Protein backbone atom coordinates (compact mmCIF):
# COMPACT_ATOMS: atom_id res chain seq x y z
CA UNK A 1 97.99 94.54 56.19
CA UNK A 2 96.00 91.83 57.99
CA UNK A 3 97.63 92.78 61.28
CA UNK A 4 96.66 96.44 60.75
CA UNK A 5 93.02 95.56 59.99
CA UNK A 6 92.84 93.31 63.02
CA UNK A 7 94.29 96.02 65.24
CA UNK A 8 91.79 98.69 64.16
CA UNK A 9 88.81 96.34 64.34
CA UNK A 10 89.77 95.29 67.84
CA UNK A 11 90.40 98.87 68.92
CA UNK A 12 86.91 99.84 67.70
CA UNK A 13 85.42 96.93 69.63
CA UNK A 14 87.49 97.97 72.65
CA UNK A 15 85.84 101.41 72.53
CA UNK A 16 82.34 99.90 72.34
CA UNK A 17 83.04 97.24 74.96
CA UNK A 18 84.49 99.80 77.37
CA UNK A 19 81.53 102.15 76.87
CA UNK A 20 79.13 99.38 77.85
CA UNK A 21 81.17 98.07 80.78
CA UNK A 22 81.75 101.52 82.23
CA UNK A 23 78.04 102.35 81.93
CA UNK A 24 77.03 99.19 83.81
CA UNK A 25 79.64 99.84 86.49
CA UNK A 26 78.41 103.41 86.94
CA UNK A 27 74.67 102.83 86.90
CA UNK A 28 74.73 99.31 88.38
CA UNK A 29 74.95 100.38 92.01
CA UNK A 30 72.43 103.21 91.53
CA UNK A 31 69.92 100.87 89.87
CA UNK A 32 70.70 98.20 92.46
CA UNK A 33 69.74 100.56 95.26
CA UNK A 34 66.62 101.73 93.42
CA UNK A 35 65.39 98.28 92.39
CA UNK A 36 66.32 96.37 95.56
CA UNK A 37 65.61 99.21 98.01
CA UNK A 38 68.49 97.94 100.19
CA UNK A 39 71.93 99.54 100.47
CA UNK A 40 73.50 96.15 101.23
CA UNK A 41 72.37 94.85 97.82
CA UNK A 42 73.14 98.05 95.92
CA UNK A 43 76.52 96.96 94.54
CA UNK A 44 75.41 93.37 93.84
CA UNK A 45 74.78 94.03 90.09
CA UNK A 46 78.31 95.43 89.66
CA UNK A 47 79.72 92.47 91.59
CA UNK A 48 77.72 90.04 89.45
CA UNK A 49 79.15 91.64 86.31
CA UNK A 50 82.71 91.44 87.60
CA UNK A 51 82.39 87.91 88.97
CA UNK A 52 80.78 86.55 85.80
CA UNK A 53 83.69 88.07 83.88
CA UNK A 54 86.07 86.40 86.32
CA UNK A 55 84.39 83.01 86.02
CA UNK A 56 84.22 83.43 82.25
CA UNK A 57 87.91 84.30 81.86
CA UNK A 58 89.22 80.75 81.82
CA UNK A 59 86.41 79.29 79.65
CA UNK A 60 86.81 82.23 77.25
CA UNK A 61 90.51 81.51 76.74
CA UNK A 62 89.81 77.81 76.19
CA UNK A 63 86.93 78.48 73.77
CA UNK A 64 89.18 80.74 71.74
CA UNK A 65 91.85 78.08 71.73
CA UNK A 66 89.29 75.57 70.40
CA UNK A 67 87.18 77.66 68.01
CA UNK A 68 89.41 80.66 67.29
CA UNK A 69 89.20 84.26 68.37
CA UNK A 70 86.94 85.58 65.59
CA UNK A 71 83.99 83.23 66.17
CA UNK A 72 84.17 83.73 69.93
CA UNK A 73 84.49 87.52 69.68
CA UNK A 74 81.44 87.74 67.39
CA UNK A 75 79.35 85.47 69.62
CA UNK A 76 80.32 87.44 72.73
CA UNK A 77 79.40 90.78 71.09
CA UNK A 78 75.94 89.41 70.27
CA UNK A 79 75.63 88.14 73.84
CA UNK A 80 76.50 91.64 75.08
CA UNK A 81 73.84 93.22 72.87
CA UNK A 82 71.14 90.84 74.10
CA UNK A 83 72.15 91.27 77.73
CA UNK A 84 71.99 95.06 77.54
CA UNK A 85 68.52 94.91 75.95
CA UNK A 86 67.40 92.57 78.75
CA UNK A 87 68.84 94.94 81.36
CA UNK A 88 66.78 97.79 79.85
CA UNK A 89 63.67 95.61 80.13
CA UNK A 90 64.48 94.84 83.78
CA UNK A 91 64.79 98.52 84.67
CA UNK A 92 61.46 99.30 83.02
CA UNK A 93 59.85 96.39 84.85
CA UNK A 94 61.52 97.26 88.18
CA UNK A 95 62.87 93.71 88.40
CA UNK A 96 66.08 93.58 90.46
CA UNK A 97 66.86 89.90 89.89
CA UNK A 98 66.24 90.10 86.14
CA UNK A 99 68.61 93.06 86.06
CA UNK A 100 71.25 90.98 87.87
CA UNK A 101 70.73 88.11 85.40
CA UNK A 102 71.17 90.48 82.46
CA UNK A 103 74.30 91.95 83.99
CA UNK A 104 75.63 88.42 84.52
CA UNK A 105 75.28 87.73 80.79
CA UNK A 106 77.00 90.99 79.99
CA UNK A 107 79.81 90.10 82.39
CA UNK A 108 80.47 86.94 80.37
CA UNK A 109 80.84 89.18 77.32
CA UNK A 110 83.33 91.26 79.33
CA UNK A 111 85.59 88.22 79.70
CA UNK A 112 86.10 88.28 75.93
CA UNK A 113 86.55 92.06 75.83
CA UNK A 114 89.50 91.65 78.19
CA UNK A 115 91.10 89.35 75.62
CA UNK A 116 91.15 92.10 72.98
CA UNK A 117 94.42 93.46 74.33
CA UNK A 118 96.10 90.06 74.03
CA UNK A 119 94.73 89.54 70.51
CA UNK A 120 96.11 92.95 69.47
CA UNK A 121 99.57 92.02 70.73
CA UNK A 122 99.63 88.73 68.81
CA UNK A 123 101.55 88.80 65.56
CA UNK A 124 103.58 91.80 66.71
CA UNK A 125 107.21 92.20 67.72
CA UNK A 126 107.52 91.98 71.51
CA UNK A 127 109.19 95.41 71.56
CA UNK A 128 105.94 96.94 70.29
CA UNK A 129 103.99 95.83 73.38
CA UNK A 130 104.10 99.17 75.28
CA UNK A 131 103.03 101.15 72.18
CA UNK A 132 100.17 98.77 71.40
CA UNK A 133 99.04 98.71 75.02
CA UNK A 134 98.98 102.50 74.85
CA UNK A 135 96.56 102.28 71.91
CA UNK A 136 94.38 99.89 73.89
CA UNK A 137 94.36 102.34 76.80
CA UNK A 138 93.41 105.20 74.46
CA UNK A 139 90.60 103.14 72.98
CA UNK A 140 89.39 102.43 76.50
CA UNK A 141 89.58 106.15 77.29
CA UNK A 142 87.49 106.93 74.20
CA UNK A 143 84.90 104.42 75.40
CA UNK A 144 84.34 106.33 78.63
CA UNK A 145 82.30 109.11 77.07
CA UNK A 146 79.42 107.56 75.07
CA UNK A 147 77.50 105.87 77.88
CA UNK A 148 78.29 108.23 80.76
CA UNK A 149 77.63 111.31 78.62
CA UNK A 150 74.23 109.91 77.65
CA UNK A 151 73.33 109.39 81.31
CA UNK A 152 74.17 113.01 82.09
CA UNK A 153 72.44 114.34 78.96
CA UNK A 154 69.17 112.43 79.41
CA UNK A 155 68.90 112.87 83.19
CA UNK A 156 65.93 115.14 83.86
CA UNK A 157 64.73 114.98 80.25
CA UNK A 158 63.01 111.62 80.60
CA UNK A 159 62.17 109.37 83.52
CA UNK A 160 63.35 106.35 81.50
CA UNK A 161 66.81 107.64 80.61
CA UNK A 162 68.60 104.53 81.92
CA UNK A 163 66.76 102.04 79.65
CA UNK A 164 67.30 104.31 76.64
CA UNK A 165 71.05 104.45 77.28
CA UNK A 166 71.21 100.67 77.68
CA UNK A 167 69.34 100.16 74.39
CA UNK A 168 71.72 102.53 72.56
CA UNK A 169 74.65 100.54 73.90
CA UNK A 170 72.99 97.30 72.76
CA UNK A 171 72.88 98.67 69.21
CA UNK A 172 76.59 99.53 69.41
CA UNK A 173 77.35 95.97 70.52
CA UNK A 174 75.52 94.63 67.47
CA UNK A 175 77.65 96.94 65.31
CA UNK A 176 80.77 95.54 66.96
CA UNK A 177 79.69 92.02 66.00
CA UNK A 178 79.44 93.14 62.37
CA UNK A 179 82.87 94.78 62.49
CA UNK A 180 84.44 91.60 63.86
CA UNK A 181 83.54 89.77 60.64
CA UNK A 182 86.57 91.55 59.14
CA UNK A 183 88.86 90.12 61.83
CA UNK A 184 91.29 87.52 60.45
CA UNK A 185 92.49 84.43 62.39
CA UNK A 186 95.67 85.28 64.24
CA UNK A 187 97.43 82.02 63.42
CA UNK A 188 98.10 83.27 59.90
CA UNK A 189 99.78 86.34 61.32
CA UNK A 190 101.53 85.15 64.43
CA UNK A 191 103.32 82.36 62.60
CA UNK A 192 105.43 85.00 60.88
CA UNK A 193 106.82 86.30 64.17
CA UNK A 194 109.00 84.34 66.56
CA UNK A 195 108.45 85.27 70.19
CA UNK A 196 110.74 84.07 72.96
CA UNK A 197 109.52 84.64 76.52
CA UNK A 198 111.79 86.74 78.73
CA UNK A 199 113.44 84.81 81.59
CA UNK A 200 113.02 87.60 84.16
CA UNK A 201 109.40 88.17 83.11
CA UNK A 202 108.78 84.45 83.49
CA UNK A 203 110.13 84.52 87.04
CA UNK A 204 107.91 87.52 87.82
CA UNK A 205 104.72 86.02 86.37
CA UNK A 206 102.92 85.19 89.63
CA UNK A 207 104.02 88.35 91.48
CA UNK A 208 102.78 90.42 88.55
CA UNK A 209 99.47 88.57 88.56
CA UNK A 210 99.17 89.53 92.23
CA UNK A 211 100.07 93.16 91.48
CA UNK A 212 97.53 93.41 88.66
CA UNK A 213 94.80 91.83 90.76
CA UNK A 214 95.71 93.99 93.76
CA UNK A 215 95.55 97.16 91.65
CA UNK A 216 92.03 96.22 90.53
CA UNK A 217 91.04 95.39 94.11
CA UNK A 218 91.98 98.75 95.64
CA UNK A 219 90.70 100.69 92.61
CA UNK A 220 87.30 98.95 92.59
CA UNK A 221 86.96 99.28 96.35
CA UNK A 222 86.92 103.06 95.93
CA UNK A 223 85.34 103.52 92.49
CA UNK A 224 82.26 101.26 92.83
CA UNK A 225 80.77 102.86 95.97
CA UNK A 226 81.63 106.45 94.96
CA UNK A 227 78.33 107.02 93.05
CA UNK A 228 76.46 105.64 96.08
CA UNK A 229 78.36 107.91 98.46
CA UNK A 230 77.93 110.98 96.27
CA UNK A 231 74.30 110.52 95.14
CA UNK A 232 72.83 108.46 97.96
CA UNK A 233 74.55 109.98 101.01
CA UNK A 234 76.04 113.36 100.08
CA UNK A 235 73.13 114.19 97.74
CA UNK A 236 75.15 115.17 94.69
CA UNK A 237 73.41 115.01 91.28
CA UNK A 238 73.96 112.04 88.99
CA UNK A 239 75.63 114.42 86.54
CA UNK A 240 78.23 115.42 89.15
CA UNK A 241 78.94 111.81 90.06
CA UNK A 242 79.35 110.98 86.36
CA UNK A 243 81.94 113.77 86.03
CA UNK A 244 83.97 112.30 88.89
CA UNK A 245 83.80 108.81 87.41
CA UNK A 246 84.71 110.10 83.93
CA UNK A 247 87.76 111.93 85.29
CA UNK A 248 88.75 108.81 87.20
CA UNK A 249 88.44 106.62 84.11
CA UNK A 250 90.38 109.10 81.97
CA UNK A 251 93.11 109.05 84.60
CA UNK A 252 93.10 105.27 84.35
CA UNK A 253 93.79 105.24 80.61
CA UNK A 254 95.31 108.49 79.33
CA UNK A 255 98.57 108.31 81.36
CA UNK A 256 99.43 105.26 79.25
CA UNK A 257 100.53 107.79 76.60
CA UNK A 258 103.52 108.64 78.76
CA UNK A 259 104.54 105.11 79.67
CA UNK A 260 106.79 104.59 76.63
CA UNK A 261 108.73 107.78 77.38
CA UNK A 262 108.86 107.03 81.11
CA UNK A 263 110.27 103.55 80.55
CA UNK A 264 113.22 105.11 78.72
CA UNK A 265 114.18 106.92 81.91
CA UNK A 266 113.12 104.61 84.74
CA UNK A 267 112.89 100.86 85.23
CA UNK A 268 109.63 98.95 85.18
CA UNK A 269 110.01 98.42 88.93
CA UNK A 270 110.39 102.16 89.56
CA UNK A 271 107.36 103.00 87.43
CA UNK A 272 105.32 100.41 89.29
CA UNK A 273 106.48 101.88 92.60
CA UNK A 274 105.36 105.33 91.43
CA UNK A 275 101.94 103.92 90.62
CA UNK A 276 101.63 102.41 94.09
CA UNK A 277 102.54 105.73 95.71
CA UNK A 278 99.85 107.46 93.62
CA UNK A 279 97.30 104.90 94.83
CA UNK A 280 98.31 105.75 98.39
CA UNK A 281 98.02 109.51 97.76
CA UNK A 282 94.62 109.05 96.12
CA UNK A 283 93.20 107.27 99.14
CA UNK A 284 94.59 109.92 101.49
CA UNK A 285 93.10 112.79 99.46
CA UNK A 286 89.73 111.04 99.27
CA UNK A 287 89.32 111.98 102.93
CA UNK A 288 88.88 115.62 101.87
CA UNK A 289 85.19 116.51 102.13
CA UNK A 290 83.15 117.57 99.12
CA UNK A 291 83.25 117.30 95.36
CA UNK A 292 86.94 118.22 95.11
CA UNK A 293 88.02 115.40 97.41
CA UNK A 294 86.19 112.82 95.33
CA UNK A 295 87.47 114.29 92.05
CA UNK A 296 91.17 114.55 92.95
CA UNK A 297 91.35 111.44 95.11
CA UNK A 298 89.68 109.14 92.59
CA UNK A 299 91.71 110.73 89.79
CA UNK A 300 95.02 109.92 91.49
CA UNK A 301 93.83 106.38 92.14
CA UNK A 302 93.16 106.09 88.40
CA UNK A 303 96.70 107.19 87.45
CA UNK A 304 98.21 104.85 90.02
CA UNK A 305 96.14 101.95 88.72
CA UNK A 306 97.30 102.68 85.16
CA UNK A 307 101.01 102.49 86.00
CA UNK A 308 100.67 99.35 88.12
CA UNK A 309 98.37 97.54 85.68
CA UNK A 310 100.29 98.32 82.47
CA UNK A 311 103.66 97.32 83.96
CA UNK A 312 102.20 94.09 85.34
CA UNK A 313 100.41 93.27 82.06
CA UNK A 314 103.57 93.87 80.02
CA UNK A 315 105.54 91.42 82.14
CA UNK A 316 102.72 88.85 82.04
CA UNK A 317 102.64 89.06 78.23
CA UNK A 318 106.41 88.60 77.98
CA UNK A 319 106.45 85.61 80.34
CA UNK A 320 104.77 83.01 78.09
CA UNK A 321 104.54 82.11 74.40
CA UNK A 322 102.77 79.65 72.10
CA UNK A 323 99.76 77.72 73.37
CA UNK A 324 100.94 78.33 76.93
CA UNK A 325 99.95 82.00 76.61
CA UNK A 326 96.23 81.11 76.58
CA UNK A 327 96.50 79.45 79.97
CA UNK A 328 98.67 82.24 81.40
CA UNK A 329 96.29 84.95 80.15
CA UNK A 330 93.23 83.06 81.38
CA UNK A 331 94.67 82.63 84.88
CA UNK A 332 95.75 86.27 84.94
CA UNK A 333 92.28 87.53 84.02
CA UNK A 334 90.63 85.12 86.46
CA UNK A 335 92.69 86.56 89.33
CA UNK A 336 92.06 90.15 88.22
CA UNK A 337 88.29 89.75 87.93
CA UNK A 338 88.06 87.78 91.17
CA UNK A 339 89.83 90.55 93.07
CA UNK A 340 87.66 93.21 91.44
CA UNK A 341 84.54 91.13 92.09
CA UNK A 342 85.32 90.76 95.78
CA UNK A 343 85.77 94.52 96.06
CA UNK A 344 82.56 95.25 94.12
CA UNK A 345 80.49 92.73 96.04
CA UNK A 346 81.64 93.89 99.45
CA UNK A 347 81.91 97.65 98.88
CA UNK A 348 78.21 98.38 99.34
CA UNK A 349 78.04 96.44 102.60
CA UNK A 350 81.35 97.93 103.77
CA UNK A 351 80.09 101.43 103.04
CA UNK A 352 76.92 100.69 105.03
CA UNK A 353 78.79 99.16 107.99
CA UNK A 354 82.09 101.09 108.11
CA UNK A 355 81.04 104.36 106.53
CA UNK A 356 83.15 106.28 104.03
CA UNK A 357 86.08 106.85 106.42
CA UNK A 358 86.22 103.20 107.43
CA UNK A 359 86.23 102.15 103.78
CA UNK A 360 89.16 104.46 103.09
CA UNK A 361 91.08 103.07 106.07
CA UNK A 362 90.64 99.53 104.75
CA UNK A 363 91.84 100.62 101.30
CA UNK A 364 94.95 102.23 102.79
CA UNK A 365 95.87 98.98 104.51
CA UNK A 366 95.55 97.08 101.21
CA UNK A 367 97.65 99.62 99.32
CA UNK A 368 100.39 99.42 101.97
CA UNK A 369 100.31 95.63 101.59
CA UNK A 370 100.85 95.93 97.82
CA UNK A 371 103.76 98.31 98.39
CA UNK A 372 105.39 95.78 100.73
CA UNK A 373 104.91 92.93 98.21
CA UNK A 374 106.35 94.97 95.34
CA UNK A 375 109.39 95.99 97.39
CA UNK A 376 110.15 92.40 98.40
CA UNK A 377 109.63 90.98 94.89
CA UNK A 378 111.71 93.53 92.98
CA UNK A 379 114.40 93.32 95.59
CA UNK A 380 114.59 89.53 95.27
CA UNK A 381 114.52 89.47 91.47
CA UNK A 382 117.22 91.64 89.97
CA UNK A 383 115.45 94.15 87.66
CA UNK A 384 117.30 95.97 84.86
CA UNK A 385 117.53 99.72 84.91
CA UNK A 386 116.08 100.07 81.42
CA UNK A 387 112.67 98.69 80.44
CA UNK A 388 113.58 97.42 76.94
CA UNK A 389 115.72 94.66 78.46
CA UNK A 390 113.02 93.50 80.89
């Protein structure tokens, strides 16, 4: 019963946390360009959010180890609410650096949001990991719509639509803090379940950290500058750019529904290879001019990211147990956020210097590098043909 309550509370908070993070990622570059009046600084707010989450990943895991997950989750939700309210104030005051500071605080909250998936898996049989990760992905998919839909709905109806959306999200974060009061300490649950780390997963820990971080790198390199390219260069409406980003995000999370069935037919290595090939196809199709190229290309990149990330996360979770899992999860998230932060920070400047085609060429090189790494790793480590034995 406690495990069920914890799962639903965390899934609700996952929806709210995703709605806020996605909204900042979407509007961050647009507000960066408007407030800073410099394309080179346009993606700095998104990069600040990602990097603060990266830097907060390790401290977050250690704080939860010291004070417990519930207290830290509640405090982080309140931090997220305050940061979003401050971001709304910065937009109204046309203050670029205050906006970056607010986004930095929200990024620290994001470090705790990324721990929700690990908290959900605690106290569960290891064989339930794919099903539970699917629920996390669905909760993330549900979180795509609130913020982005509000941006599209309020655009043209009020000149201050961005601050209003940010304030609405701040209220949702405060509601998440209240919901987390019902969360019970995991120690009382996890002690009932014995979890033995898998030997093959343990051997694949670092390669899977690299694959997860690499998937975020190539995904962020394309997703973050897409609103800038569409609205700032190709002169699409914000509503059209939000549709592309929503489709991309849905493609990131909804394919997780099929992962359980797919892993009954193919190995984890084969599914990961399929994800890498979809990343490659997405970058190639992004060269097609117009709305359709952005929509289909970014959508395929989303599906590819989903397969690579979920397979890597599953193996990371199975590689460690006990107190060691906090360190393993903290290092994993640090690498993921660092890679995403590098892509977010550099994408605006790369778009300005290389142009859209040059950015796509760079992304293709990175995807090919990931394919080479995956081939070498799975060839060296004998992988079973059926996922349940991984």
